[in-house]
């Protein structure tokens, strides 16, 4: 069950809910698997390349699952919520009325994939970060409009 959905206050409705984007995970891990295949092929033959790529895939799958299921981001009519972690949990919340700025961080590849990181800053030094989410501009507009 979703951490954010189970911790909504009475009368609070979820306007946005997401986990980290699968696009960068798939691309990054695919590149690692391909590089391990090429390295094994260059060292001896295609069999070692295939073996190394399978080993890399098996090793990386748990990390991808932990990254995906261990993160959760949400926007309600009253606050923004970020949760990271499966065993240990780091949850950050900020009321919409306390938000001073919403910054989008996207590199070239992230812009092409429509993925980015939102840093939501509030009064003082507090901030809530939505790591590697899909459609960050749309989410920023949702937060800024506070509707």
Protein backbone atom coordinates (compact mmCIF):
# COMPACT_ATOMS: atom_id res chain seq x y z
CA UNK A 1 0.00 0.00 0.00
CA UNK A 2 1.15 3.50 -0.76
CA UNK A 3 2.67 5.49 2.12
CA UNK A 4 1.19 8.75 0.83
CA UNK A 5 -2.31 7.36 0.28
CA UNK A 6 -2.40 5.87 3.78
CA UNK A 7 -1.25 9.14 5.40
CA UNK A 8 -3.71 11.59 3.85
CA UNK A 9 -5.58 13.79 6.32
CA UNK A 10 -9.38 13.87 6.44
CA UNK A 11 -10.80 15.61 3.39
CA UNK A 12 -7.41 15.74 1.66
CA UNK A 13 -7.36 14.61 -1.98
CA UNK A 14 -4.35 13.51 -3.99
CA UNK A 15 -3.80 15.60 -7.14
CA UNK A 16 -0.50 14.04 -8.20
CA UNK A 17 1.11 10.74 -7.22
CA UNK A 18 4.25 9.23 -8.71
CA UNK A 19 7.36 7.17 -8.18
CA UNK A 20 10.71 7.77 -9.84
CA UNK A 21 10.61 7.50 -13.61
CA UNK A 22 11.41 4.13 -15.14
CA UNK A 23 12.91 5.73 -18.27
CA UNK A 24 16.35 6.62 -16.81
CA UNK A 25 16.52 3.33 -14.88
CA UNK A 26 15.88 1.26 -18.01
CA UNK A 27 18.31 3.27 -20.14
CA UNK A 28 21.13 3.30 -17.55
CA UNK A 29 20.85 -0.39 -16.74
CA UNK A 30 20.56 -1.34 -20.43
CA UNK A 31 23.79 0.53 -21.16
CA UNK A 32 25.55 -1.31 -18.32
CA UNK A 33 24.32 -4.69 -19.60
CA UNK A 34 25.43 -3.85 -23.17
CA UNK A 35 28.85 -2.66 -22.00
CA UNK A 36 29.34 -5.85 -19.97
CA UNK A 37 28.44 -7.93 -23.05
CA UNK A 38 30.91 -5.99 -25.21
CA UNK A 39 33.64 -6.29 -22.56
CA UNK A 40 33.17 -10.06 -22.34
CA UNK A 41 33.07 -10.39 -26.14
CA UNK A 42 36.30 -8.39 -26.52
CA UNK A 43 38.08 -10.44 -23.83
CA UNK A 44 37.25 -13.87 -25.26
CA UNK A 45 34.03 -14.60 -27.14
CA UNK A 46 30.28 -14.05 -27.25
CA UNK A 47 29.63 -16.66 -24.54
CA UNK A 48 31.57 -14.70 -21.91
CA UNK A 49 29.84 -11.53 -23.09
CA UNK A 50 26.45 -13.16 -22.67
CA UNK A 51 27.43 -14.52 -19.27
CA UNK A 52 28.66 -11.12 -18.03
CA UNK A 53 25.56 -9.34 -19.31
CA UNK A 54 23.28 -11.84 -17.53
CA UNK A 55 25.29 -11.44 -14.31
CA UNK A 56 25.05 -7.63 -14.60
CA UNK A 57 21.30 -7.85 -15.21
CA UNK A 58 20.74 -10.13 -12.20
CA UNK A 59 22.83 -7.88 -9.94
CA UNK A 60 21.14 -4.65 -11.10
CA UNK A 61 17.49 -5.77 -10.89
CA UNK A 62 17.27 -5.55 -7.06
CA UNK A 63 18.74 -2.03 -7.14
CA UNK A 64 16.19 -0.94 -9.74
CA UNK A 65 13.32 -2.42 -7.75
CA UNK A 66 14.49 -0.75 -4.53
CA UNK A 67 14.89 2.59 -6.30
CA UNK A 68 11.44 2.37 -7.88
CA UNK A 69 9.39 1.00 -4.99
CA UNK A 70 11.36 2.92 -2.38
CA UNK A 71 10.36 6.34 -3.66
CA UNK A 72 7.01 8.07 -3.72
CA UNK A 73 5.98 11.66 -4.40
CA UNK A 74 2.63 13.37 -4.05
CA UNK A 75 0.83 16.69 -4.22
CA UNK A 76 -2.48 17.24 -2.43
CA UNK A 77 -4.66 20.32 -2.11
CA UNK A 78 -2.78 21.23 1.09
CA UNK A 79 0.79 19.94 0.90
CA UNK A 80 3.60 18.25 -1.03
CA UNK A 81 4.95 14.91 0.21
CA UNK A 82 8.15 13.03 -0.64
CA UNK A 83 8.98 9.57 0.72
CA UNK A 84 12.17 7.60 0.08
CA UNK A 85 13.29 4.28 1.48
CA UNK A 86 11.86 0.83 2.07
CA UNK A 87 13.36 -0.35 5.37
CA UNK A 88 14.40 3.04 6.69
CA UNK A 89 12.08 5.85 5.67
CA UNK A 90 12.76 9.51 4.94
CA UNK A 91 9.51 11.40 4.51
CA UNK A 92 9.38 15.15 3.85
CA UNK A 93 6.27 17.29 3.76
CA UNK A 94 5.58 20.97 3.19
CA UNK A 95 2.35 22.93 3.23
CA UNK A 96 1.53 24.63 -0.08
CA UNK A 97 1.23 27.96 1.76
CA UNK A 98 4.88 27.62 2.92
CA UNK A 99 6.35 27.14 -0.57
CA UNK A 100 8.53 29.97 -1.83
CA UNK A 101 10.03 28.43 -4.99
CA UNK A 102 9.85 25.36 -7.18
CA UNK A 103 12.96 24.64 -9.26
CA UNK A 104 13.25 22.10 -12.07
CA UNK A 105 16.58 20.39 -12.75
CA UNK A 106 16.88 18.68 -16.15
CA UNK A 107 19.89 17.70 -18.22
CA UNK A 108 19.80 17.27 -21.99
CA UNK A 109 18.85 13.59 -21.91
CA UNK A 110 16.29 14.24 -19.19
CA UNK A 111 14.66 16.95 -21.29
CA UNK A 112 14.41 14.55 -24.22
CA UNK A 113 12.82 11.93 -21.94
CA UNK A 114 10.59 14.52 -20.17
CA UNK A 115 12.06 13.57 -16.79
CA UNK A 116 13.50 15.84 -14.12
CA UNK A 117 14.01 16.62 -10.46
CA UNK A 118 11.92 19.19 -8.60
CA UNK A 119 13.35 21.07 -5.63
CA UNK A 120 10.56 22.69 -3.65
CA UNK A 121 11.94 25.30 -1.25
CA UNK A 122 10.06 26.77 1.65
CA UNK A 123 10.62 29.27 4.40
CA UNK A 124 14.08 29.07 5.93
CA UNK A 125 16.20 26.15 4.80
CA UNK A 126 13.50 23.52 4.36
CA UNK A 127 13.04 21.77 1.03
CA UNK A 128 11.23 18.80 -0.46
CA UNK A 129 12.79 17.05 -3.45
CA UNK A 130 10.97 14.97 -6.06
CA UNK A 131 13.77 12.92 -7.65
CA UNK A 132 13.62 11.89 -11.30
CA UNK A 133 9.88 12.26 -11.96
CA UNK A 134 8.01 12.22 -15.26
CA UNK A 135 6.60 15.55 -16.54
CA UNK A 136 8.31 17.85 -14.00
CA UNK A 137 7.06 21.06 -15.68
CA UNK A 138 3.46 19.90 -15.36
CA UNK A 139 3.99 19.09 -11.67
CA UNK A 140 5.68 22.46 -11.07
CA UNK A 141 2.66 24.24 -12.60
CA UNK A 142 0.32 22.17 -10.43
CA UNK A 143 2.24 23.18 -7.29
CA UNK A 144 2.55 26.85 -8.26
CA UNK A 145 -1.15 27.17 -9.10
CA UNK A 146 -2.09 25.63 -5.72
CA UNK A 147 -5.46 24.58 -7.14
